[in-house]
Amino acid sequence: MSIKRGDVVSHCGASQWGVGKVNEICPTWVAIHFNDGIVRKIASSHLGDLHPADPRAFLPVAAVEQKPAQRTTLPKEKKAPRKRAVKAA
């Protein structure tokens, strides 16, 4: 199946996602905005799992950005001041 931007597809292995619309195509992945509101990146090796869907079935929900988990930073402990070396006379 040839996929291009704007196509409406469904993923046969994840029907709970609903129908999705292709947003972006790269050589290694395709970004699809699914009915559940999440934009997912599907690897090119899995494009065979996508099938054409009825465009009327795509009901867009505001996209939920998937951001990587942010690291929590702990407050830094203050270090004791360095002792000065005593010079020999």
N, C-alpha and C. Protein backbone atom coordinates (compact mmCIF):
# COMPACT_ATOMS: atom_id res chain seq x y z
N MET A 1 0.85 -1.18 0.00
CA MET A 1 0.00 0.00 0.00
C MET A 1 0.89 1.24 0.00
N SER A 2 0.60 2.14 -0.87
CA SER A 2 1.33 3.41 -0.93
C SER A 2 0.67 4.40 0.03
N ILE A 3 1.48 5.01 0.90
CA ILE A 3 0.94 5.93 1.89
C ILE A 3 1.43 7.33 1.59
N LYS A 4 0.51 8.28 1.62
CA LYS A 4 0.89 9.68 1.43
C LYS A 4 0.18 10.55 2.47
N ARG A 5 0.68 11.75 2.62
CA ARG A 5 0.14 12.67 3.62
C ARG A 5 -1.34 12.91 3.36
N GLY A 6 -2.14 12.85 4.43
CA GLY A 6 -3.58 13.08 4.31
C GLY A 6 -4.39 11.80 4.19
N ASP A 7 -3.73 10.65 3.94
CA ASP A 7 -4.44 9.38 3.86
C ASP A 7 -5.05 9.03 5.23
N VAL A 8 -6.20 8.38 5.20
CA VAL A 8 -6.86 7.92 6.41
C VAL A 8 -6.66 6.41 6.46
N VAL A 9 -6.08 5.94 7.57
CA VAL A 9 -5.72 4.53 7.70
C VAL A 9 -6.13 3.99 9.06
N SER A 10 -6.09 2.66 9.17
CA SER A 10 -6.27 2.01 10.47
C SER A 10 -5.14 1.00 10.63
N HIS A 11 -4.79 0.71 11.87
CA HIS A 11 -3.71 -0.23 12.18
C HIS A 11 -4.38 -1.54 12.58
N CYS A 12 -4.11 -2.61 11.81
CA CYS A 12 -4.81 -3.87 12.07
C CYS A 12 -4.43 -4.49 13.42
N GLY A 13 -3.28 -4.15 13.96
CA GLY A 13 -2.85 -4.71 15.24
C GLY A 13 -3.27 -3.89 16.44
N ALA A 14 -3.87 -2.71 16.22
CA ALA A 14 -4.25 -1.85 17.33
C ALA A 14 -5.57 -1.14 17.01
N SER A 15 -6.63 -1.91 16.95
CA SER A 15 -7.93 -1.33 16.61
C SER A 15 -8.42 -0.34 17.66
N GLN A 16 -7.91 -0.44 18.91
CA GLN A 16 -8.33 0.47 19.98
C GLN A 16 -7.90 1.90 19.70
N TRP A 17 -6.91 2.11 18.81
CA TRP A 17 -6.47 3.46 18.46
C TRP A 17 -7.49 4.16 17.57
N GLY A 18 -8.31 3.39 16.88
CA GLY A 18 -9.27 3.98 15.95
C GLY A 18 -8.62 4.25 14.60
N VAL A 19 -9.25 5.12 13.85
CA VAL A 19 -8.78 5.49 12.52
C VAL A 19 -7.83 6.67 12.67
N GLY A 20 -6.84 6.75 11.79
CA GLY A 20 -5.88 7.84 11.89
C GLY A 20 -5.61 8.49 10.55
N LYS A 21 -5.12 9.72 10.62
CA LYS A 21 -4.78 10.48 9.42
C LYS A 21 -3.27 10.69 9.38
N VAL A 22 -2.66 10.41 8.23
CA VAL A 22 -1.21 10.54 8.08
C VAL A 22 -0.83 12.01 8.09
N ASN A 23 0.05 12.39 9.02
CA ASN A 23 0.49 13.78 9.15
C ASN A 23 1.84 14.03 8.51
N GLU A 24 2.77 13.09 8.68
CA GLU A 24 4.14 13.31 8.23
C GLU A 24 4.74 11.98 7.80
N ILE A 25 5.56 12.04 6.74
CA ILE A 25 6.21 10.84 6.23
C ILE A 25 7.71 11.09 6.18
N CYS A 26 8.47 10.17 6.77
CA CYS A 26 9.93 10.20 6.74
C CYS A 26 10.40 8.86 6.18
N PRO A 27 11.66 8.76 5.80
CA PRO A 27 12.13 7.48 5.27
C PRO A 27 12.02 6.31 6.26
N THR A 28 12.10 6.58 7.56
CA THR A 28 12.09 5.50 8.54
C THR A 28 10.79 5.36 9.34
N TRP A 29 9.90 6.35 9.29
CA TRP A 29 8.65 6.28 10.04
C TRP A 29 7.57 7.17 9.41
N VAL A 30 6.34 6.96 9.86
CA VAL A 30 5.18 7.76 9.44
C VAL A 30 4.46 8.22 10.70
N ALA A 31 4.15 9.52 10.80
CA ALA A 31 3.41 10.06 11.96
C ALA A 31 1.93 10.08 11.61
N ILE A 32 1.12 9.47 12.48
CA ILE A 32 -0.32 9.36 12.24
C ILE A 32 -1.07 9.86 13.48
N HIS A 33 -2.04 10.74 13.24
CA HIS A 33 -2.90 11.27 14.31
C HIS A 33 -4.13 10.38 14.37
N PHE A 34 -4.25 9.60 15.45
CA PHE A 34 -5.36 8.65 15.59
C PHE A 34 -6.54 9.28 16.31
N ASN A 35 -7.69 8.60 16.21
CA ASN A 35 -8.93 9.09 16.82
C ASN A 35 -8.83 9.24 18.33
N ASP A 36 -7.92 8.51 18.97
CA ASP A 36 -7.81 8.62 20.42
C ASP A 36 -7.03 9.87 20.84
N GLY A 37 -6.60 10.68 19.87
CA GLY A 37 -5.96 11.94 20.16
C GLY A 37 -4.45 11.89 20.25
N ILE A 38 -3.86 10.73 20.03
CA ILE A 38 -2.41 10.59 20.13
C ILE A 38 -1.80 10.49 18.73
N VAL A 39 -0.70 11.23 18.54
CA VAL A 39 0.05 11.14 17.30
C VAL A 39 1.12 10.08 17.51
N ARG A 40 1.06 9.01 16.71
CA ARG A 40 2.00 7.91 16.86
C ARG A 40 2.91 7.83 15.64
N LYS A 41 4.16 7.45 15.90
CA LYS A 41 5.12 7.24 14.82
C LYS A 41 5.23 5.75 14.58
N ILE A 42 4.87 5.34 13.37
CA ILE A 42 4.90 3.94 12.98
C ILE A 42 6.14 3.71 12.14
N ALA A 43 6.96 2.74 12.53
CA ALA A 43 8.19 2.43 11.79
C ALA A 43 7.85 1.94 10.39
N SER A 44 8.72 2.25 9.45
CA SER A 44 8.50 1.84 8.06
C SER A 44 8.36 0.33 7.93
N SER A 45 9.03 -0.41 8.79
CA SER A 45 8.93 -1.87 8.74
C SER A 45 7.54 -2.38 9.10
N HIS A 46 6.69 -1.53 9.71
CA HIS A 46 5.34 -1.94 10.11
C HIS A 46 4.25 -1.31 9.24
N LEU A 47 4.62 -0.71 8.14
CA LEU A 47 3.61 -0.07 7.29
C LEU A 47 2.65 -1.09 6.69
N GLY A 48 3.05 -2.35 6.62
CA GLY A 48 2.16 -3.40 6.12
C GLY A 48 0.97 -3.62 7.03
N ASP A 49 1.05 -3.17 8.29
CA ASP A 49 -0.06 -3.31 9.24
C ASP A 49 -1.13 -2.24 9.05
N LEU A 50 -0.85 -1.25 8.21
CA LEU A 50 -1.81 -0.16 7.97
C LEU A 50 -2.70 -0.50 6.78
N HIS A 51 -3.98 -0.22 6.94
CA HIS A 51 -4.95 -0.48 5.88
C HIS A 51 -5.78 0.77 5.64
N PRO A 52 -6.23 0.99 4.39
CA PRO A 52 -7.06 2.16 4.12
C PRO A 52 -8.34 2.12 4.96
N ALA A 53 -8.80 3.29 5.38
CA ALA A 53 -10.03 3.38 6.17
C ALA A 53 -10.93 4.44 5.56
N ASP A 54 -12.18 4.42 5.96
CA ASP A 54 -13.16 5.38 5.47
C ASP A 54 -12.82 6.76 6.04
N PRO A 55 -12.59 7.76 5.18
CA PRO A 55 -12.26 9.10 5.67
C PRO A 55 -13.31 9.69 6.61
N ARG A 56 -14.56 9.28 6.47
CA ARG A 56 -15.63 9.79 7.36
C ARG A 56 -15.50 9.24 8.76
N ALA A 57 -14.73 8.15 8.94
CA ALA A 57 -14.55 7.55 10.26
C ALA A 57 -13.52 8.29 11.09
N PHE A 58 -12.73 9.17 10.46
CA PHE A 58 -11.71 9.91 11.21
C PHE A 58 -12.37 11.11 11.86
N LEU A 59 -12.44 11.09 13.19
CA LEU A 59 -13.01 12.17 13.97
C LEU A 59 -11.89 12.75 14.82
N PRO A 60 -11.25 13.81 14.35
CA PRO A 60 -10.07 14.31 15.06
C PRO A 60 -10.38 14.83 16.46
N VAL A 61 -9.53 14.45 17.37
CA VAL A 61 -9.55 14.94 18.74
C VAL A 61 -8.27 15.76 18.86
N ALA A 62 -8.25 16.76 19.70
CA ALA A 62 -7.04 17.56 19.86
C ALA A 62 -5.86 16.63 20.13
N ALA A 63 -4.81 16.83 19.38
CA ALA A 63 -3.64 15.97 19.48
C ALA A 63 -2.98 16.11 20.84
N VAL A 64 -2.62 14.99 21.41
CA VAL A 64 -1.91 14.96 22.68
C VAL A 64 -0.45 14.71 22.33
N GLU A 65 0.39 15.65 22.64
CA GLU A 65 1.81 15.51 22.34
C GLU A 65 2.43 14.49 23.28
N GLN A 66 3.17 13.57 22.72
CA GLN A 66 3.89 12.61 23.54
C GLN A 66 5.28 13.16 23.78
N LYS A 67 5.50 13.61 24.99
CA LYS A 67 6.79 14.18 25.34
C LYS A 67 7.55 13.18 26.19
N PRO A 68 8.85 13.13 26.01
CA PRO A 68 9.61 12.23 26.87
C PRO A 68 9.53 12.67 28.33
N ALA A 69 9.57 11.71 29.21
CA ALA A 69 9.49 12.02 30.64
C ALA A 69 10.64 12.93 31.03
N GLN A 70 10.32 13.95 31.78
CA GLN A 70 11.36 14.89 32.20
C GLN A 70 12.06 14.34 33.44
N ARG A 71 13.34 14.58 33.48
CA ARG A 71 14.10 14.16 34.65
C ARG A 71 13.82 15.10 35.81
N THR A 72 13.72 14.52 36.95
CA THR A 72 13.55 15.38 38.13
C THR A 72 14.95 15.65 38.69
N THR A 73 15.20 16.89 38.96
CA THR A 73 16.52 17.25 39.49
C THR A 73 16.42 17.47 40.98
N LEU A 74 17.37 16.91 41.67
CA LEU A 74 17.43 17.08 43.12
C LEU A 74 18.26 18.31 43.42
N PRO A 75 17.94 19.00 44.51
CA PRO A 75 18.76 20.16 44.85
C PRO A 75 20.18 19.71 45.17
N LYS A 76 21.13 20.48 44.68
CA LYS A 76 22.54 20.13 44.89
C LYS A 76 22.95 20.51 46.31
N GLU A 77 23.77 19.64 46.88
CA GLU A 77 24.29 19.91 48.22
C GLU A 77 25.46 20.87 48.09
N LYS A 78 25.54 21.80 49.03
CA LYS A 78 26.66 22.74 49.01
C LYS A 78 27.89 22.02 49.54
N LYS A 79 28.96 22.22 48.81
CA LYS A 79 30.21 21.60 49.23
C LYS A 79 30.92 22.51 50.22
N ALA A 80 31.68 21.87 51.11
CA ALA A 80 32.48 22.64 52.07
C ALA A 80 33.58 23.36 51.29
N PRO A 81 33.93 24.57 51.72
CA PRO A 81 35.00 25.28 51.02
C PRO A 81 36.31 24.52 51.12
N ARG A 82 37.10 24.65 50.05
CA ARG A 82 38.39 23.97 50.01
C ARG A 82 39.36 24.56 51.00
N LYS A 83 40.16 23.72 51.61
CA LYS A 83 41.19 24.20 52.53
C LYS A 83 42.38 24.66 51.70
N ARG A 84 42.93 25.77 52.09
CA ARG A 84 44.08 26.29 51.37
C ARG A 84 45.34 25.57 51.83
N ALA A 85 46.18 25.31 50.88
CA ALA A 85 47.47 24.66 51.19
C ALA A 85 48.37 25.64 51.93
N VAL A 86 49.07 25.13 52.89
CA VAL A 86 50.00 25.97 53.66
C VAL A 86 51.34 25.91 52.93
N LYS A 87 51.88 27.08 52.58
CA LYS A 87 53.15 27.13 51.89
C LYS A 87 54.30 27.02 52.89
N ALA A 88 55.28 26.25 52.54
CA ALA A 88 56.45 26.11 53.41
C ALA A 88 57.33 27.34 53.25
N ALA A 89 57.87 27.85 54.35
CA ALA A 89 58.70 29.06 54.32
C ALA A 89 60.12 28.80 53.95
